[in-house]
Amino acid sequence: MYGPPGCGKTMLAKAVAAHTTASFIRVVGSEFVQKYLGEGPRMVRDVFRLAKENSPSIIFIDEIDAIATKRFDAQTGADREVQRILLELLNQMDGFEQSTNVKVIMATNRQDTLDPAL
């Protein structure tokens, strides 16, 4: 979902959660950006593992633009880590494992900055 701040993206996700029997896991994109190398991708794997263990489930990632900006030739370690988080997210969403009982909803107010792979 995308739209300007305050238009109800998060509220819509909460309404979906209230009208389903699926487990609902809410995370904010910036929570995946951690101090130590490798922590962000590990957290992404942990969220998807939790969702699979409690399937059917819905993962809601708010402010996805914090970790899913268009890829570029990263110059700093922090930029490379954010790109690794995005790659892990893409891998979990459409990797080799079939996870038909896990759905992902994302929200942003910066659609223009998102990686085309999403």
N, C-alpha and C. Protein backbone atom coordinates (compact mmCIF):
# COMPACT_ATOMS: atom_id res chain seq x y z
N MET A 1 0.85 -1.17 0.00
CA MET A 1 0.00 0.00 0.00
C MET A 1 0.89 1.23 0.00
N TYR A 2 0.42 2.27 -0.64
CA TYR A 2 1.17 3.51 -0.62
C TYR A 2 0.19 4.67 -0.60
N GLY A 3 0.67 5.78 -0.06
CA GLY A 3 -0.13 6.99 0.01
C GLY A 3 0.54 7.97 0.94
N PRO A 4 0.04 9.19 0.98
CA PRO A 4 0.66 10.21 1.83
C PRO A 4 0.49 9.86 3.31
N PRO A 5 1.33 10.45 4.16
CA PRO A 5 1.21 10.18 5.59
C PRO A 5 -0.19 10.54 6.10
N GLY A 6 -0.72 9.67 6.94
CA GLY A 6 -2.01 9.94 7.56
C GLY A 6 -3.22 9.54 6.76
N CYS A 7 -3.05 8.83 5.64
CA CYS A 7 -4.21 8.48 4.82
C CYS A 7 -4.86 7.16 5.24
N GLY A 8 -4.28 6.45 6.22
CA GLY A 8 -4.94 5.26 6.74
C GLY A 8 -4.35 3.93 6.32
N LYS A 9 -3.11 3.92 5.85
CA LYS A 9 -2.49 2.66 5.42
C LYS A 9 -2.37 1.68 6.58
N THR A 10 -1.85 2.15 7.70
CA THR A 10 -1.69 1.28 8.87
C THR A 10 -3.05 0.87 9.42
N MET A 11 -4.00 1.78 9.42
CA MET A 11 -5.34 1.47 9.91
C MET A 11 -6.00 0.39 9.05
N LEU A 12 -5.77 0.45 7.76
CA LEU A 12 -6.31 -0.57 6.86
C LEU A 12 -5.70 -1.94 7.17
N ALA A 13 -4.40 -1.97 7.44
CA ALA A 13 -3.76 -3.24 7.81
C ALA A 13 -4.32 -3.77 9.13
N LYS A 14 -4.58 -2.88 10.07
CA LYS A 14 -5.18 -3.30 11.35
C LYS A 14 -6.59 -3.84 11.13
N ALA A 15 -7.33 -3.26 10.20
CA ALA A 15 -8.67 -3.75 9.89
C ALA A 15 -8.60 -5.15 9.29
N VAL A 16 -7.62 -5.39 8.43
CA VAL A 16 -7.43 -6.73 7.86
C VAL A 16 -7.16 -7.71 8.99
N ALA A 17 -6.30 -7.32 9.92
CA ALA A 17 -5.95 -8.20 11.04
C ALA A 17 -7.17 -8.53 11.89
N ALA A 18 -8.05 -7.56 12.07
CA ALA A 18 -9.22 -7.77 12.92
C ALA A 18 -10.27 -8.67 12.26
N HIS A 19 -10.22 -8.79 10.94
CA HIS A 19 -11.24 -9.56 10.23
C HIS A 19 -10.72 -10.87 9.64
N THR A 20 -9.69 -11.41 10.25
CA THR A 20 -9.14 -12.67 9.78
C THR A 20 -8.73 -13.52 10.97
N THR A 21 -8.65 -14.80 10.76
CA THR A 21 -8.18 -15.69 11.83
C THR A 21 -6.69 -15.94 11.71
N ALA A 22 -6.05 -15.37 10.71
CA ALA A 22 -4.61 -15.56 10.52
C ALA A 22 -3.83 -14.82 11.61
N SER A 23 -2.67 -15.35 11.94
CA SER A 23 -1.76 -14.64 12.85
C SER A 23 -1.30 -13.36 12.15
N PHE A 24 -1.18 -12.29 12.91
CA PHE A 24 -0.80 -11.00 12.34
C PHE A 24 0.49 -10.54 13.00
N ILE A 25 1.52 -10.33 12.19
CA ILE A 25 2.82 -9.91 12.70
C ILE A 25 3.12 -8.54 12.10
N ARG A 26 3.28 -7.53 12.97
CA ARG A 26 3.55 -6.17 12.51
C ARG A 26 4.98 -5.79 12.85
N VAL A 27 5.70 -5.32 11.84
CA VAL A 27 7.05 -4.81 12.05
C VAL A 27 7.20 -3.50 11.29
N VAL A 28 8.15 -2.69 11.73
CA VAL A 28 8.46 -1.44 11.05
C VAL A 28 9.79 -1.65 10.34
N GLY A 29 9.89 -1.22 9.10
CA GLY A 29 11.09 -1.45 8.30
C GLY A 29 12.37 -1.05 8.99
N SER A 30 12.36 0.08 9.69
CA SER A 30 13.58 0.55 10.34
C SER A 30 14.04 -0.36 11.47
N GLU A 31 13.16 -1.22 12.00
CA GLU A 31 13.56 -2.15 13.06
C GLU A 31 14.57 -3.17 12.55
N PHE A 32 14.60 -3.41 11.26
CA PHE A 32 15.54 -4.37 10.69
C PHE A 32 16.96 -3.81 10.57
N VAL A 33 17.10 -2.49 10.62
CA VAL A 33 18.42 -1.87 10.51
C VAL A 33 19.05 -1.85 11.89
N GLN A 34 20.05 -2.69 12.08
CA GLN A 34 20.68 -2.88 13.38
C GLN A 34 22.14 -2.46 13.35
N LYS A 35 22.71 -2.39 14.54
CA LYS A 35 24.09 -1.94 14.70
C LYS A 35 25.10 -2.95 14.16
N TYR A 36 24.83 -4.23 14.35
CA TYR A 36 25.81 -5.25 14.00
C TYR A 36 25.52 -5.89 12.65
N LEU A 37 26.57 -6.16 11.93
CA LEU A 37 26.49 -6.77 10.60
C LEU A 37 25.77 -8.11 10.66
N GLY A 38 24.80 -8.30 9.79
CA GLY A 38 24.08 -9.57 9.71
C GLY A 38 22.84 -9.66 10.58
N GLU A 39 22.66 -8.73 11.50
CA GLU A 39 21.50 -8.78 12.39
C GLU A 39 20.19 -8.54 11.64
N GLY A 40 20.19 -7.59 10.71
CA GLY A 40 18.98 -7.28 9.96
C GLY A 40 18.46 -8.46 9.15
N PRO A 41 19.31 -9.07 8.31
CA PRO A 41 18.85 -10.24 7.57
C PRO A 41 18.39 -11.38 8.48
N ARG A 42 19.07 -11.56 9.62
CA ARG A 42 18.66 -12.60 10.57
C ARG A 42 17.26 -12.30 11.11
N MET A 43 17.00 -11.02 11.40
CA MET A 43 15.68 -10.64 11.90
C MET A 43 14.60 -10.91 10.86
N VAL A 44 14.90 -10.66 9.59
CA VAL A 44 13.94 -10.95 8.52
C VAL A 44 13.63 -12.44 8.50
N ARG A 45 14.67 -13.27 8.56
CA ARG A 45 14.47 -14.73 8.59
C ARG A 45 13.64 -15.13 9.80
N ASP A 46 13.91 -14.52 10.96
CA ASP A 46 13.17 -14.85 12.18
C ASP A 46 11.69 -14.51 12.05
N VAL A 47 11.38 -13.36 11.45
CA VAL A 47 9.98 -12.96 11.27
C VAL A 47 9.27 -13.95 10.36
N PHE A 48 9.89 -14.35 9.27
CA PHE A 48 9.26 -15.30 8.36
C PHE A 48 9.16 -16.69 8.98
N ARG A 49 10.15 -17.08 9.79
CA ARG A 49 10.08 -18.37 10.49
C ARG A 49 8.90 -18.36 11.45
N LEU A 50 8.75 -17.27 12.21
CA LEU A 50 7.62 -17.13 13.14
C LEU A 50 6.30 -17.20 12.39
N ALA A 51 6.23 -16.53 11.24
CA ALA A 51 5.00 -16.54 10.44
C ALA A 51 4.68 -17.95 9.94
N LYS A 52 5.70 -18.68 9.51
CA LYS A 52 5.47 -20.05 9.02
C LYS A 52 5.04 -20.98 10.14
N GLU A 53 5.64 -20.80 11.33
CA GLU A 53 5.28 -21.63 12.48
C GLU A 53 3.85 -21.39 12.93
N ASN A 54 3.33 -20.18 12.70
CA ASN A 54 1.99 -19.82 13.14
C ASN A 54 1.05 -19.60 11.97
N SER A 55 1.32 -20.26 10.85
CA SER A 55 0.50 -20.05 9.66
C SER A 55 -0.90 -20.64 9.85
N PRO A 56 -1.88 -20.10 9.18
CA PRO A 56 -1.78 -19.00 8.22
C PRO A 56 -1.46 -17.69 8.94
N SER A 57 -0.70 -16.85 8.28
CA SER A 57 -0.29 -15.60 8.91
C SER A 57 -0.11 -14.49 7.88
N ILE A 58 -0.15 -13.27 8.41
CA ILE A 58 0.05 -12.06 7.62
C ILE A 58 1.18 -11.29 8.27
N ILE A 59 2.18 -10.91 7.47
CA ILE A 59 3.25 -10.05 7.95
C ILE A 59 2.98 -8.66 7.39
N PHE A 60 2.87 -7.68 8.28
CA PHE A 60 2.68 -6.29 7.85
C PHE A 60 3.98 -5.54 8.13
N ILE A 61 4.60 -5.04 7.07
CA ILE A 61 5.84 -4.26 7.20
C ILE A 61 5.51 -2.81 6.89
N ASP A 62 5.49 -1.99 7.93
CA ASP A 62 5.22 -0.57 7.79
C ASP A 62 6.53 0.15 7.47
N GLU A 63 6.45 1.25 6.77
CA GLU A 63 7.61 2.04 6.39
C GLU A 63 8.66 1.17 5.69
N ILE A 64 8.22 0.41 4.71
CA ILE A 64 9.10 -0.50 3.98
C ILE A 64 10.22 0.24 3.27
N ASP A 65 10.02 1.52 2.98
CA ASP A 65 11.05 2.30 2.28
C ASP A 65 12.35 2.42 3.09
N ALA A 66 12.31 2.13 4.39
CA ALA A 66 13.52 2.19 5.21
C ALA A 66 14.53 1.12 4.80
N ILE A 67 14.05 0.00 4.22
CA ILE A 67 14.96 -1.09 3.86
C ILE A 67 14.85 -1.51 2.40
N ALA A 68 13.96 -0.91 1.65
CA ALA A 68 13.71 -1.40 0.29
C ALA A 68 13.87 -0.33 -0.77
N THR A 69 14.88 0.52 -0.60
CA THR A 69 15.12 1.52 -1.63
C THR A 69 15.80 0.88 -2.84
N LYS A 70 15.76 1.58 -3.94
CA LYS A 70 16.38 1.07 -5.17
C LYS A 70 17.84 0.74 -4.91
N ARG A 71 18.26 -0.40 -5.43
CA ARG A 71 19.65 -0.83 -5.23
C ARG A 71 20.61 0.01 -6.06
N PHE A 72 21.79 0.22 -5.50
CA PHE A 72 22.83 1.00 -6.16
C PHE A 72 24.18 0.46 -5.70
N ASP A 73 25.25 0.99 -6.26
CA ASP A 73 26.59 0.56 -5.88
C ASP A 73 26.92 1.18 -4.52
N ALA A 74 26.67 0.44 -3.46
CA ALA A 74 26.82 0.95 -2.09
C ALA A 74 28.27 1.27 -1.78
N GLN A 75 28.47 2.43 -1.17
CA GLN A 75 29.82 2.87 -0.81
C GLN A 75 30.16 2.60 0.65
N THR A 76 29.16 2.54 1.50
CA THR A 76 29.42 2.36 2.93
C THR A 76 28.91 1.00 3.40
N GLY A 77 29.43 0.57 4.53
CA GLY A 77 28.99 -0.69 5.12
C GLY A 77 27.52 -0.66 5.49
N ALA A 78 27.06 0.51 5.95
CA ALA A 78 25.64 0.62 6.34
C ALA A 78 24.74 0.45 5.12
N ASP A 79 25.11 1.05 4.00
CA ASP A 79 24.31 0.90 2.78
C ASP A 79 24.29 -0.55 2.30
N ARG A 80 25.44 -1.22 2.38
CA ARG A 80 25.50 -2.63 1.98
C ARG A 80 24.64 -3.49 2.89
N GLU A 81 24.61 -3.17 4.18
CA GLU A 81 23.80 -3.94 5.12
C GLU A 81 22.31 -3.78 4.79
N VAL A 82 21.88 -2.57 4.48
CA VAL A 82 20.48 -2.33 4.12
C VAL A 82 20.14 -3.11 2.85
N GLN A 83 21.06 -3.16 1.90
CA GLN A 83 20.81 -3.93 0.68
C GLN A 83 20.74 -5.42 0.97
N ARG A 84 21.53 -5.91 1.93
CA ARG A 84 21.45 -7.32 2.31
C ARG A 84 20.10 -7.63 2.96
N ILE A 85 19.58 -6.68 3.72
CA ILE A 85 18.26 -6.86 4.33
C ILE A 85 17.21 -7.00 3.23
N LEU A 86 17.26 -6.13 2.23
CA LEU A 86 16.32 -6.20 1.11
C LEU A 86 16.45 -7.54 0.38
N LEU A 87 17.67 -7.98 0.13
CA LEU A 87 17.86 -9.25 -0.57
C LEU A 87 17.30 -10.41 0.24
N GLU A 88 17.46 -10.39 1.55
CA GLU A 88 16.90 -11.45 2.38
C GLU A 88 15.37 -11.40 2.35
N LEU A 89 14.81 -10.20 2.38
CA LEU A 89 13.35 -10.06 2.30
C LEU A 89 12.84 -10.64 0.98
N LEU A 90 13.49 -10.29 -0.12
CA LEU A 90 13.08 -10.82 -1.43
C LEU A 90 13.22 -12.34 -1.47
N ASN A 91 14.28 -12.86 -0.90
CA ASN A 91 14.50 -14.30 -0.86
C ASN A 91 13.40 -14.99 -0.05
N GLN A 92 13.03 -14.44 1.07
CA GLN A 92 11.99 -15.04 1.90
C GLN A 92 10.63 -14.98 1.21
N MET A 93 10.40 -13.91 0.46
CA MET A 93 9.10 -13.75 -0.18
C MET A 93 8.93 -14.66 -1.40
N ASP A 94 9.99 -14.86 -2.17
CA ASP A 94 9.83 -15.70 -3.36
C ASP A 94 11.00 -16.65 -3.55
N GLY A 95 11.53 -17.16 -2.47
CA GLY A 95 12.61 -18.12 -2.54
C GLY A 95 12.11 -19.48 -3.00
N PHE A 96 12.89 -20.50 -2.76
CA PHE A 96 12.56 -21.84 -3.22
C PHE A 96 11.45 -22.48 -2.41
N GLU A 97 11.29 -22.09 -1.15
CA GLU A 97 10.26 -22.69 -0.31
C GLU A 97 8.89 -22.12 -0.64
N GLN A 98 7.92 -22.99 -0.74
CA GLN A 98 6.55 -22.52 -0.94
C GLN A 98 5.98 -22.10 0.41
N SER A 99 5.60 -20.85 0.52
CA SER A 99 5.02 -20.36 1.77
C SER A 99 3.65 -19.76 1.48
N THR A 100 2.77 -20.59 0.95
CA THR A 100 1.46 -20.11 0.51
C THR A 100 0.60 -19.65 1.67
N ASN A 101 0.91 -20.06 2.88
CA ASN A 101 0.11 -19.67 4.04
C ASN A 101 0.65 -18.42 4.72
N VAL A 102 1.63 -17.77 4.12
CA VAL A 102 2.18 -16.53 4.65
C VAL A 102 2.00 -15.44 3.59
N LYS A 103 1.29 -14.40 3.95
CA LYS A 103 1.07 -13.26 3.05
C LYS A 103 1.78 -12.04 3.64
N VAL A 104 2.22 -11.16 2.77
CA VAL A 104 2.95 -9.97 3.19
C VAL A 104 2.22 -8.73 2.69
N ILE A 105 2.01 -7.79 3.60
CA ILE A 105 1.45 -6.48 3.26
C ILE A 105 2.51 -5.46 3.64
N MET A 106 2.78 -4.53 2.75
CA MET A 106 3.76 -3.49 3.02
C MET A 106 3.12 -2.13 2.83
N ALA A 107 3.63 -1.15 3.56
CA ALA A 107 3.10 0.21 3.45
C ALA A 107 4.25 1.20 3.35
N THR A 108 4.05 2.23 2.54
CA THR A 108 5.05 3.29 2.39
C THR A 108 4.37 4.58 1.95
N ASN A 109 5.04 5.68 2.21
CA ASN A 109 4.59 6.94 1.63
C ASN A 109 5.61 7.43 0.60
N ARG A 110 6.59 6.57 0.29
CA ARG A 110 7.65 6.90 -0.66
C ARG A 110 7.75 5.85 -1.75
N GLN A 111 6.69 5.63 -2.47
CA GLN A 111 6.65 4.59 -3.50
C GLN A 111 7.73 4.80 -4.56
N ASP A 112 8.07 6.04 -4.84
CA ASP A 112 9.04 6.35 -5.88
C ASP A 112 10.45 5.86 -5.55
N THR A 113 10.74 5.59 -4.28
CA THR A 113 12.08 5.16 -3.90
C THR A 113 12.23 3.64 -3.81
N LEU A 114 11.13 2.91 -3.94
CA LEU A 114 11.18 1.45 -3.74
C LEU A 114 11.90 0.74 -4.88
N ASP A 115 12.55 -0.36 -4.52
CA ASP A 115 13.23 -1.20 -5.51
C ASP A 115 12.19 -1.83 -6.43
N PRO A 116 12.44 -1.86 -7.73
CA PRO A 116 11.47 -2.44 -8.67
C PRO A 116 11.15 -3.91 -8.40
N ALA A 117 12.02 -4.63 -7.73
CA ALA A 117 11.77 -6.04 -7.44
C ALA A 117 10.55 -6.24 -6.55
N LEU A 118 10.18 -5.21 -5.80
CA LEU A 118 9.00 -5.33 -4.95
C LEU A 118 7.73 -5.15 -5.76
